[in-house]
Amino acid sequence: MIAKLSAEERKAAFERLSGWAPVPGKDAIAKRFSFQSFNEAFGWMTRVALIAEKMDHHPEWFNVYRHVDVTLTTHDADGVTERDIALAETMDALAGH
């Protein structure tokens, strides 16, 4: 089983990530991605989905028009792990952030 990040590891991860924030009342991180159009948002989601499937790590997300709200947590660890940070960094890179 993968371990949750320590407070020190979490702090270091947030220094690397842009725009991600802790989720109140849940050991998770979240970010809103905004795109120019629905097509761009959906295309990004499709690219992320293919990578997430290979990682066997799936985001919680919600899409309305050109916005995608993402929450990441590792359910097996009941909190944020390196898997979440790796997927967050991948999402940022694919979105050009």
PDB file of N, CA and C in Angstrom:
ATOM      1  N   MET A   1       0.847  -1.191   0.000  1.00  0.00           N
ATOM      2  CA  MET A   1       0.000   0.000   0.000  1.00  0.00           C
ATOM      3  C   MET A   1       0.888   1.249   0.000  1.00  0.00           C
ATOM      4  N   ILE A   2       0.467   2.249  -0.710  1.00  0.00           N
ATOM      5  CA  ILE A   2       1.188   3.510  -0.793  1.00  0.00           C
ATOM      6  C   ILE A   2       0.860   4.372   0.427  1.00  0.00           C
ATOM      7  N   ALA A   3       1.856   5.086   0.928  1.00  0.00           N
ATOM      8  CA  ALA A   3       1.692   5.867   2.158  1.00  0.00           C
ATOM      9  C   ALA A   3       1.277   7.304   1.870  1.00  0.00           C
ATOM     10  N   LYS A   4       0.484   7.867   2.782  1.00  0.00           N
ATOM     11  CA  LYS A   4       0.120   9.274   2.702  1.00  0.00           C
ATOM     12  C   LYS A   4       1.377  10.126   2.867  1.00  0.00           C
ATOM     13  N   LEU A   5       1.334  11.310   2.289  1.00  0.00           N
ATOM     14  CA  LEU A   5       2.448  12.234   2.434  1.00  0.00           C
ATOM     15  C   LEU A   5       2.528  12.748   3.867  1.00  0.00           C
ATOM     16  N   SER A   6       3.740  12.910   4.354  1.00  0.00           N
ATOM     17  CA  SER A   6       3.948  13.543   5.660  1.00  0.00           C
ATOM     18  C   SER A   6       3.701  15.042   5.496  1.00  0.00           C
ATOM     19  N   ALA A   7       3.616  15.750   6.586  1.00  0.00           N
ATOM     20  CA  ALA A   7       3.410  17.205   6.532  1.00  0.00           C
ATOM     21  C   ALA A   7       4.543  17.876   5.760  1.00  0.00           C
ATOM     22  N   GLU A   8       5.757  17.407   5.958  1.00  0.00           N
ATOM     23  CA  GLU A   8       6.922  17.958   5.264  1.00  0.00           C
ATOM     24  C   GLU A   8       6.857  17.672   3.761  1.00  0.00           C
ATOM     25  N   GLU A   9       6.496  16.453   3.402  1.00  0.00           N
ATOM     26  CA  GLU A   9       6.376  16.078   1.990  1.00  0.00           C
ATOM     27  C   GLU A   9       5.253  16.866   1.311  1.00  0.00           C
ATOM     28  N   ARG A  10       4.166  17.049   2.023  1.00  0.00           N
ATOM     29  CA  ARG A  10       3.029  17.807   1.489  1.00  0.00           C
ATOM     30  C   ARG A  10       3.427  19.257   1.229  1.00  0.00           C
ATOM     31  N   LYS A  11       4.156  19.845   2.176  1.00  0.00           N
ATOM     32  CA  LYS A  11       4.615  21.232   2.026  1.00  0.00           C
ATOM     33  C   LYS A  11       5.510  21.360   0.795  1.00  0.00           C
ATOM     34  N   ALA A  12       6.442  20.429   0.630  1.00  0.00           N
ATOM     35  CA  ALA A  12       7.340  20.446  -0.527  1.00  0.00           C
ATOM     36  C   ALA A  12       6.554  20.285  -1.827  1.00  0.00           C
ATOM     37  N   ALA A  13       5.549  19.436  -1.817  1.00  0.00           N
ATOM     38  CA  ALA A  13       4.729  19.220  -3.011  1.00  0.00           C
ATOM     39  C   ALA A  13       3.979  20.494  -3.390  1.00  0.00           C
ATOM     40  N   PHE A  14       3.410  21.189  -2.410  1.00  0.00           N
ATOM     41  CA  PHE A  14       2.666  22.419  -2.699  1.00  0.00           C
ATOM     42  C   PHE A  14       3.582  23.506  -3.251  1.00  0.00           C
ATOM     43  N   GLU A  15       4.859  23.462  -2.877  1.00  0.00           N
ATOM     44  CA  GLU A  15       5.804  24.429  -3.426  1.00  0.00           C
ATOM     45  C   GLU A  15       6.045  24.171  -4.916  1.00  0.00           C
ATOM     46  N   ARG A  16       5.900  22.919  -5.355  1.00  0.00           N
ATOM     47  CA  ARG A  16       6.092  22.557  -6.768  1.00  0.00           C
ATOM     48  C   ARG A  16       4.828  22.777  -7.591  1.00  0.00           C
ATOM     49  N   LEU A  17       3.676  22.720  -6.954  1.00  0.00           N
ATOM     50  CA  LEU A  17       2.406  22.789  -7.670  1.00  0.00           C
ATOM     51  C   LEU A  17       1.876  24.219  -7.704  1.00  0.00           C
ATOM     52  N   SER A  18       1.225  24.576  -8.794  1.00  0.00           N
ATOM     53  CA  SER A  18       0.643  25.903  -8.928  1.00  0.00           C
ATOM     54  C   SER A  18      -0.871  25.816  -8.986  1.00  0.00           C
ATOM     55  N   GLY A  19      -1.529  26.503  -8.058  1.00  0.00           N
ATOM     56  CA  GLY A  19      -2.984  26.580  -8.091  1.00  0.00           C
ATOM     57  C   GLY A  19      -3.718  25.458  -7.377  1.00  0.00           C
ATOM     58  N   TRP A  20      -2.996  24.463  -6.889  1.00  0.00           N
ATOM     59  CA  TRP A  20      -3.627  23.371  -6.153  1.00  0.00           C
ATOM     60  C   TRP A  20      -3.779  23.787  -4.695  1.00  0.00           C
ATOM     61  N   ALA A  21      -4.879  23.354  -4.076  1.00  0.00           N
ATOM     62  CA  ALA A  21      -5.148  23.721  -2.684  1.00  0.00           C
ATOM     63  C   ALA A  21      -5.707  22.521  -1.931  1.00  0.00           C
ATOM     64  N   PRO A  22      -5.497  22.492  -0.619  1.00  0.00           N
ATOM     65  CA  PRO A  22      -6.110  21.423   0.179  1.00  0.00           C
ATOM     66  C   PRO A  22      -7.628  21.541   0.145  1.00  0.00           C
ATOM     67  N   VAL A  23      -8.308  20.424   0.256  1.00  0.00           N
ATOM     68  CA  VAL A  23      -9.771  20.393   0.298  1.00  0.00           C
ATOM     69  C   VAL A  23     -10.199  20.397   1.766  1.00  0.00           C
ATOM     70  N   PRO A  24     -10.974  21.380   2.187  1.00  0.00           N
ATOM     71  CA  PRO A  24     -11.419  21.421   3.583  1.00  0.00           C
ATOM     72  C   PRO A  24     -12.217  20.164   3.956  1.00  0.00           C
ATOM     73  N   GLY A  25     -11.875  19.561   5.088  1.00  0.00           N
ATOM     74  CA  GLY A  25     -12.608  18.412   5.595  1.00  0.00           C
ATOM     75  C   GLY A  25     -12.303  17.096   4.907  1.00  0.00           C
ATOM     76  N   LYS A  26     -11.292  17.091   4.013  1.00  0.00           N
ATOM     77  CA  LYS A  26     -10.951  15.873   3.283  1.00  0.00           C
ATOM     78  C   LYS A  26      -9.455  15.895   3.001  1.00  0.00           C
ATOM     79  N   ASP A  27      -8.799  14.768   3.131  1.00  0.00           N
ATOM     80  CA  ASP A  27      -7.372  14.714   2.814  1.00  0.00           C
ATOM     81  C   ASP A  27      -7.221  14.563   1.310  1.00  0.00           C
ATOM     82  N   ALA A  28      -7.301  15.705   0.612  1.00  0.00           N
ATOM     83  CA  ALA A  28      -7.280  15.743  -0.843  1.00  0.00           C
ATOM     84  C   ALA A  28      -6.776  17.111  -1.294  1.00  0.00           C
ATOM     85  N   ILE A  29      -6.426  17.198  -2.580  1.00  0.00           N
ATOM     86  CA  ILE A  29      -6.054  18.476  -3.183  1.00  0.00           C
ATOM     87  C   ILE A  29      -6.981  18.738  -4.359  1.00  0.00           C
ATOM     88  N   ALA A  30      -7.171  20.016  -4.672  1.00  0.00           N
ATOM     89  CA  ALA A  30      -8.116  20.367  -5.735  1.00  0.00           C
ATOM     90  C   ALA A  30      -7.618  21.566  -6.535  1.00  0.00           C
ATOM     91  N   LYS A  31      -8.117  21.629  -7.765  1.00  0.00           N
ATOM     92  CA  LYS A  31      -7.797  22.758  -8.645  1.00  0.00           C
ATOM     93  C   LYS A  31      -8.878  22.878  -9.710  1.00  0.00           C
ATOM     94  N   ARG A  32      -9.148  24.108 -10.125  1.00  0.00           N
ATOM     95  CA  ARG A  32     -10.039  24.359 -11.255  1.00  0.00           C
ATOM     96  C   ARG A  32      -9.185  24.689 -12.465  1.00  0.00           C
ATOM     97  N   PHE A  33      -9.412  23.950 -13.537  1.00  0.00           N
ATOM     98  CA  PHE A  33      -8.761  24.219 -14.812  1.00  0.00           C
ATOM     99  C   PHE A  33      -9.778  24.911 -15.710  1.00  0.00           C
ATOM    100  N   SER A  34      -9.352  25.979 -16.367  1.00  0.00           N
ATOM    101  CA  SER A  34     -10.222  26.709 -17.292  1.00  0.00           C
ATOM    102  C   SER A  34      -9.574  26.724 -18.665  1.00  0.00           C
ATOM    103  N   PHE A  35     -10.380  26.476 -19.675  1.00  0.00           N
ATOM    104  CA  PHE A  35      -9.900  26.395 -21.049  1.00  0.00           C
ATOM    105  C   PHE A  35     -10.662  27.388 -21.909  1.00  0.00           C
ATOM    106  N   GLN A  36     -10.272  27.495 -23.173  1.00  0.00           N
ATOM    107  CA  GLN A  36     -10.910  28.440 -24.078  1.00  0.00           C
ATOM    108  C   GLN A  36     -12.289  27.979 -24.544  1.00  0.00           C
ATOM    109  N   SER A  37     -12.508  26.651 -24.520  1.00  0.00           N
ATOM    110  CA  SER A  37     -13.772  26.117 -25.038  1.00  0.00           C
ATOM    111  C   SER A  37     -14.049  24.757 -24.410  1.00  0.00           C
ATOM    112  N   PHE A  38     -15.274  24.284 -24.609  1.00  0.00           N
ATOM    113  CA  PHE A  38     -15.631  22.936 -24.159  1.00  0.00           C
ATOM    114  C   PHE A  38     -14.751  21.901 -24.853  1.00  0.00           C
ATOM    115  N   ASN A  39     -14.518  22.074 -26.145  1.00  0.00           N
ATOM    116  CA  ASN A  39     -13.718  21.137 -26.917  1.00  0.00           C
ATOM    117  C   ASN A  39     -12.304  21.020 -26.327  1.00  0.00           C
ATOM    118  N   GLU A  40     -11.711  22.144 -25.980  1.00  0.00           N
ATOM    119  CA  GLU A  40     -10.374  22.130 -25.389  1.00  0.00           C
ATOM    120  C   GLU A  40     -10.392  21.441 -24.018  1.00  0.00           C
ATOM    121  N   ALA A  41     -11.395  21.725 -23.214  1.00  0.00           N
ATOM    122  CA  ALA A  41     -11.508  21.093 -21.890  1.00  0.00           C
ATOM    123  C   ALA A  41     -11.686  19.587 -22.026  1.00  0.00           C
ATOM    124  N   PHE A  42     -12.552  19.176 -22.930  1.00  0.00           N
ATOM    125  CA  PHE A  42     -12.811  17.743 -23.096  1.00  0.00           C
ATOM    126  C   PHE A  42     -11.596  17.027 -23.677  1.00  0.00           C
ATOM    127  N   GLY A  43     -10.902  17.674 -24.584  1.00  0.00           N
ATOM    128  CA  GLY A  43      -9.679  17.091 -25.142  1.00  0.00           C
ATOM    129  C   GLY A  43      -8.631  16.878 -24.065  1.00  0.00           C
ATOM    130  N   TRP A  44      -8.491  17.860 -23.186  1.00  0.00           N
ATOM    131  CA  TRP A  44      -7.554  17.742 -22.064  1.00  0.00           C
ATOM    132  C   TRP A  44      -7.967  16.588 -21.156  1.00  0.00           C
ATOM    133  N   MET A  45      -9.251  16.495 -20.860  1.00  0.00           N
ATOM    134  CA  MET A  45      -9.739  15.404 -20.015  1.00  0.00           C
ATOM    135  C   MET A  45      -9.436  14.045 -20.650  1.00  0.00           C
ATOM    136  N   THR A  46      -9.582  13.961 -21.946  1.00  0.00           N
ATOM    137  CA  THR A  46      -9.310  12.702 -22.647  1.00  0.00           C
ATOM    138  C   THR A  46      -7.837  12.333 -22.523  1.00  0.00           C
ATOM    139  N   ARG A  47      -6.946  13.295 -22.725  1.00  0.00           N
ATOM    140  CA  ARG A  47      -5.515  13.026 -22.595  1.00  0.00           C
ATOM    141  C   ARG A  47      -5.168  12.613 -21.165  1.00  0.00           C
ATOM    142  N   VAL A  48      -5.738  13.307 -20.189  1.00  0.00           N
ATOM    143  CA  VAL A  48      -5.502  12.953 -18.786  1.00  0.00           C
ATOM    144  C   VAL A  48      -6.038  11.560 -18.485  1.00  0.00           C
ATOM    145  N   ALA A  49      -7.218  11.244 -19.004  1.00  0.00           N
ATOM    146  CA  ALA A  49      -7.827   9.930 -18.741  1.00  0.00           C
ATOM    147  C   ALA A  49      -6.930   8.789 -19.216  1.00  0.00           C
ATOM    148  N   LEU A  50      -6.309   8.937 -20.378  1.00  0.00           N
ATOM    149  CA  LEU A  50      -5.428   7.892 -20.896  1.00  0.00           C
ATOM    150  C   LEU A  50      -4.216   7.692 -19.989  1.00  0.00           C
ATOM    151  N   ILE A  51      -3.648   8.786 -19.505  1.00  0.00           N
ATOM    152  CA  ILE A  51      -2.490   8.706 -18.600  1.00  0.00           C
ATOM    153  C   ILE A  51      -2.914   8.155 -17.249  1.00  0.00           C
ATOM    154  N   ALA A  52      -4.046   8.636 -16.733  1.00  0.00           N
ATOM    155  CA  ALA A  52      -4.537   8.166 -15.425  1.00  0.00           C
ATOM    156  C   ALA A  52      -4.791   6.659 -15.457  1.00  0.00           C
ATOM    157  N   GLU A  53      -5.309   6.171 -16.563  1.00  0.00           N
ATOM    158  CA  GLU A  53      -5.562   4.732 -16.689  1.00  0.00           C
ATOM    159  C   GLU A  53      -4.251   3.955 -16.629  1.00  0.00           C
ATOM    160  N   LYS A  54      -3.219   4.444 -17.304  1.00  0.00           N
ATOM    161  CA  LYS A  54      -1.908   3.796 -17.260  1.00  0.00           C
ATOM    162  C   LYS A  54      -1.318   3.829 -15.854  1.00  0.00           C
ATOM    163  N   MET A  55      -1.589   4.920 -15.125  1.00  0.00           N
ATOM    164  CA  MET A  55      -1.095   5.058 -13.749  1.00  0.00           C
ATOM    165  C   MET A  55      -1.943   4.251 -12.766  1.00  0.00           C
ATOM    166  N   ASP A  56      -3.110   3.794 -13.232  1.00  0.00           N
ATOM    167  CA  ASP A  56      -4.104   3.153 -12.365  1.00  0.00           C
ATOM    168  C   ASP A  56      -4.445   4.071 -11.192  1.00  0.00           C
ATOM    169  N   HIS A  57      -4.615   5.356 -11.538  1.00  0.00           N
ATOM    170  CA  HIS A  57      -4.941   6.371 -10.534  1.00  0.00           C
ATOM    171  C   HIS A  57      -5.898   7.364 -11.178  1.00  0.00           C
ATOM    172  N   HIS A  58      -7.128   7.396 -10.702  1.00  0.00           N
ATOM    173  CA  HIS A  58      -8.190   8.118 -11.403  1.00  0.00           C
ATOM    174  C   HIS A  58      -8.667   9.334 -10.617  1.00  0.00           C
ATOM    175  N   PRO A  59      -8.789  10.467 -11.307  1.00  0.00           N
ATOM    176  CA  PRO A  59      -9.218  11.697 -10.634  1.00  0.00           C
ATOM    177  C   PRO A  59     -10.727  11.718 -10.375  1.00  0.00           C
ATOM    178  N   GLU A  60     -11.093  12.505  -9.412  1.00  0.00           N
ATOM    179  CA  GLU A  60     -12.502  12.890  -9.239  1.00  0.00           C
ATOM    180  C   GLU A  60     -12.590  14.223  -9.968  1.00  0.00           C
ATOM    181  N   TRP A  61     -13.484  14.323 -10.946  1.00  0.00           N
ATOM    182  CA  TRP A  61     -13.566  15.581 -11.672  1.00  0.00           C
ATOM    183  C   TRP A  61     -14.979  15.865 -12.136  1.00  0.00           C
ATOM    184  N   PHE A  62     -15.201  17.142 -12.408  1.00  0.00           N
ATOM    185  CA  PHE A  62     -16.515  17.625 -12.780  1.00  0.00           C
ATOM    186  C   PHE A  62     -16.315  18.672 -13.871  1.00  0.00           C
ATOM    187  N   ASN A  63     -16.962  18.489 -15.004  1.00  0.00           N
ATOM    188  CA  ASN A  63     -16.792  19.386 -16.137  1.00  0.00           C
ATOM    189  C   ASN A  63     -18.090  20.098 -16.462  1.00  0.00           C
ATOM    190  N   VAL A  64     -18.014  21.417 -16.558  1.00  0.00           N
ATOM    191  CA  VAL A  64     -19.111  22.233 -17.067  1.00  0.00           C
ATOM    192  C   VAL A  64     -18.505  23.195 -18.078  1.00  0.00           C
ATOM    193  N   TYR A  65     -18.960  23.075 -19.281  1.00  0.00           N
ATOM    194  CA  TYR A  65     -18.524  23.884 -20.415  1.00  0.00           C
ATOM    195  C   TYR A  65     -16.999  23.894 -20.507  1.00  0.00           C
ATOM    196  N   ARG A  66     -16.328  24.997 -20.191  1.00  0.00           N
ATOM    197  CA  ARG A  66     -14.882  25.089 -20.378  1.00  0.00           C
ATOM    198  C   ARG A  66     -14.081  24.949 -19.091  1.00  0.00           C
ATOM    199  N   HIS A  67     -14.761  24.572 -18.020  1.00  0.00           N
ATOM    200  CA  HIS A  67     -14.101  24.434 -16.718  1.00  0.00           C
ATOM    201  C   HIS A  67     -14.110  22.972 -16.269  1.00  0.00           C
ATOM    202  N   VAL A  68     -13.010  22.565 -15.651  1.00  0.00           N
ATOM    203  CA  VAL A  68     -12.912  21.220 -15.086  1.00  0.00           C
ATOM    204  C   VAL A  68     -12.407  21.361 -13.658  1.00  0.00           C
ATOM    205  N   ASP A  69     -13.229  20.956 -12.696  1.00  0.00           N
ATOM    206  CA  ASP A  69     -12.842  20.955 -11.288  1.00  0.00           C
ATOM    207  C   ASP A  69     -12.321  19.569 -10.943  1.00  0.00           C
ATOM    208  N   VAL A  70     -11.095  19.513 -10.433  1.00  0.00           N
ATOM    209  CA  VAL A  70     -10.425  18.245 -10.158  1.00  0.00           C
ATOM    210  C   VAL A  70     -10.133  18.122  -8.670  1.00  0.00           C
ATOM    211  N   THR A  71     -10.396  16.942  -8.121  1.00  0.00           N
ATOM    212  CA  THR A  71      -9.998  16.592  -6.759  1.00  0.00           C
ATOM    213  C   THR A  71      -9.175  15.314  -6.843  1.00  0.00           C
ATOM    214  N   LEU A  72      -8.026  15.339  -6.178  1.00  0.00           N
ATOM    215  CA  LEU A  72      -7.152  14.173  -6.159  1.00  0.00           C
ATOM    216  C   LEU A  72      -6.930  13.694  -4.733  1.00  0.00           C
ATOM    217  N   THR A  73      -7.082  12.415  -4.541  1.00  0.00           N
ATOM    218  CA  THR A  73      -6.777  11.733  -3.289  1.00  0.00           C
ATOM    219  C   THR A  73      -6.553  10.267  -3.639  1.00  0.00           C
ATOM    220  N   THR A  74      -5.799   9.585  -2.809  1.00  0.00           N
ATOM    221  CA  THR A  74      -5.569   8.158  -3.025  1.00  0.00           C
ATOM    222  C   THR A  74      -6.462   7.410  -2.056  1.00  0.00           C
ATOM    223  N   HIS A  75      -7.511   6.815  -2.572  1.00  0.00           N
ATOM    224  CA  HIS A  75      -8.502   6.160  -1.715  1.00  0.00           C
ATOM    225  C   HIS A  75      -7.899   5.020  -0.905  1.00  0.00           C
ATOM    226  N   ASP A  76      -6.972   4.275  -1.508  1.00  0.00           N
ATOM    227  CA  ASP A  76      -6.339   3.162  -0.794  1.00  0.00           C
ATOM    228  C   ASP A  76      -5.542   3.627   0.422  1.00  0.00           C
ATOM    229  N   ALA A  77      -5.009   4.852   0.357  1.00  0.00           N
ATOM    230  CA  ALA A  77      -4.214   5.396   1.460  1.00  0.00           C
ATOM    231  C   ALA A  77      -5.032   6.333   2.337  1.00  0.00           C
ATOM    232  N   ASP A  78      -6.256   6.609   1.924  1.00  0.00           N
ATOM    233  CA  ASP A  78      -7.140   7.533   2.635  1.00  0.00           C
ATOM    234  C   ASP A  78      -6.509   8.918   2.776  1.00  0.00           C
ATOM    235  N   GLY A  79      -5.873   9.369   1.680  1.00  0.00           N
ATOM    236  CA  GLY A  79      -5.276  10.701   1.702  1.00  0.00           C
ATOM    237  C   GLY A  79      -4.386  10.954   0.505  1.00  0.00           C
ATOM    238  N   VAL A  80      -3.682  12.077   0.557  1.00  0.00           N
ATOM    239  CA  VAL A  80      -2.822  12.515  -0.538  1.00  0.00           C
ATOM    240  C   VAL A  80      -1.498  11.754  -0.493  1.00  0.00           C
ATOM    241  N   THR A  81      -1.104  11.218  -1.668  1.00  0.00           N
ATOM    242  CA  THR A  81       0.145  10.477  -1.806  1.00  0.00           C
ATOM    243  C   THR A  81       0.934  11.029  -2.993  1.00  0.00           C
ATOM    244  N   GLU A  82       2.098  10.453  -3.225  1.00  0.00           N
ATOM    245  CA  GLU A  82       2.912  10.837  -4.384  1.00  0.00           C
ATOM    246  C   GLU A  82       2.166  10.594  -5.692  1.00  0.00           C
ATOM    247  N   ARG A  83       1.263   9.623  -5.712  1.00  0.00           N
ATOM    248  CA  ARG A  83       0.461   9.392  -6.924  1.00  0.00           C
ATOM    249  C   ARG A  83      -0.354  10.629  -7.280  1.00  0.00           C
ATOM    250  N   ASP A  84      -0.924  11.259  -6.268  1.00  0.00           N
ATOM    251  CA  ASP A  84      -1.728  12.461  -6.504  1.00  0.00           C
ATOM    252  C   ASP A  84      -0.861  13.604  -7.022  1.00  0.00           C
ATOM    253  N   ILE A  85       0.318  13.745  -6.434  1.00  0.00           N
ATOM    254  CA  ILE A  85       1.225  14.820  -6.851  1.00  0.00           C
ATOM    255  C   ILE A  85       1.679  14.576  -8.290  1.00  0.00           C
ATOM    256  N   ALA A  86       2.019  13.344  -8.619  1.00  0.00           N
ATOM    257  CA  ALA A  86       2.449  13.018  -9.979  1.00  0.00           C
ATOM    258  C   ALA A  86       1.333  13.298 -10.986  1.00  0.00           C
ATOM    259  N   LEU A  87       0.107  12.926 -10.644  1.00  0.00           N
ATOM    260  CA  LEU A  87      -1.007  13.181 -11.559  1.00  0.00           C
ATOM    261  C   LEU A  87      -1.294  14.680 -11.654  1.00  0.00           C
ATOM    262  N   ALA A  88      -1.189  15.407 -10.557  1.00  0.00           N
ATOM    263  CA  ALA A  88      -1.385  16.865 -10.577  1.00  0.00           C
ATOM    264  C   ALA A  88      -0.349  17.520 -11.482  1.00  0.00           C
ATOM    265  N   GLU A  89       0.904  17.105 -11.384  1.00  0.00           N
ATOM    266  CA  GLU A  89       1.955  17.669 -12.229  1.00  0.00           C
ATOM    267  C   GLU A  89       1.701  17.348 -13.698  1.00  0.00           C
ATOM    268  N   THR A  90       1.231  16.142 -13.979  1.00  0.00           N
ATOM    269  CA  THR A  90       0.898  15.756 -15.349  1.00  0.00           C
ATOM    270  C   THR A  90      -0.250  16.609 -15.884  1.00  0.00           C
ATOM    271  N   MET A  91      -1.286  16.789 -15.075  1.00  0.00           N
ATOM    272  CA  MET A  91      -2.427  17.606 -15.484  1.00  0.00           C
ATOM    273  C   MET A  91      -1.984  19.034 -15.794  1.00  0.00           C
ATOM    274  N   ASP A  92      -1.147  19.590 -14.917  1.00  0.00           N
ATOM    275  CA  ASP A  92      -0.645  20.953 -15.134  1.00  0.00           C
ATOM    276  C   ASP A  92       0.136  21.035 -16.439  1.00  0.00           C
ATOM    277  N   ALA A  93       1.008  20.063 -16.678  1.00  0.00           N
ATOM    278  CA  ALA A  93       1.828  20.076 -17.895  1.00  0.00           C
ATOM    279  C   ALA A  93       0.942  19.993 -19.140  1.00  0.00           C
ATOM    280  N   LEU A  94      -0.059  19.132 -19.104  1.00  0.00           N
ATOM    281  CA  LEU A  94      -0.951  18.986 -20.271  1.00  0.00           C
ATOM    282  C   LEU A  94      -1.799  20.235 -20.497  1.00  0.00           C
ATOM    283  N   ALA A  95      -2.065  20.972 -19.421  1.00  0.00           N
ATOM    284  CA  ALA A  95      -2.857  22.211 -19.539  1.00  0.00           C
ATOM    285  C   ALA A  95      -1.967  23.421 -19.853  1.00  0.00           C
ATOM    286  N   GLY A  96      -0.650  23.198 -19.864  1.00  0.00           N
ATOM    287  CA  GLY A  96       0.266  24.296 -20.135  1.00  0.00           C
ATOM    288  C   GLY A  96       0.492  25.207 -18.951  1.00  0.00           C
ATOM    289  N   HIS A  97       0.289  24.674 -17.738  1.00  0.00           N
ATOM    290  CA  HIS A  97       0.489  25.489 -16.513  1.00  0.00           C
ATOM    291  C   HIS A  97       1.855  25.254 -15.932  1.00  0.00           C
TER     292      HIS A  97
END
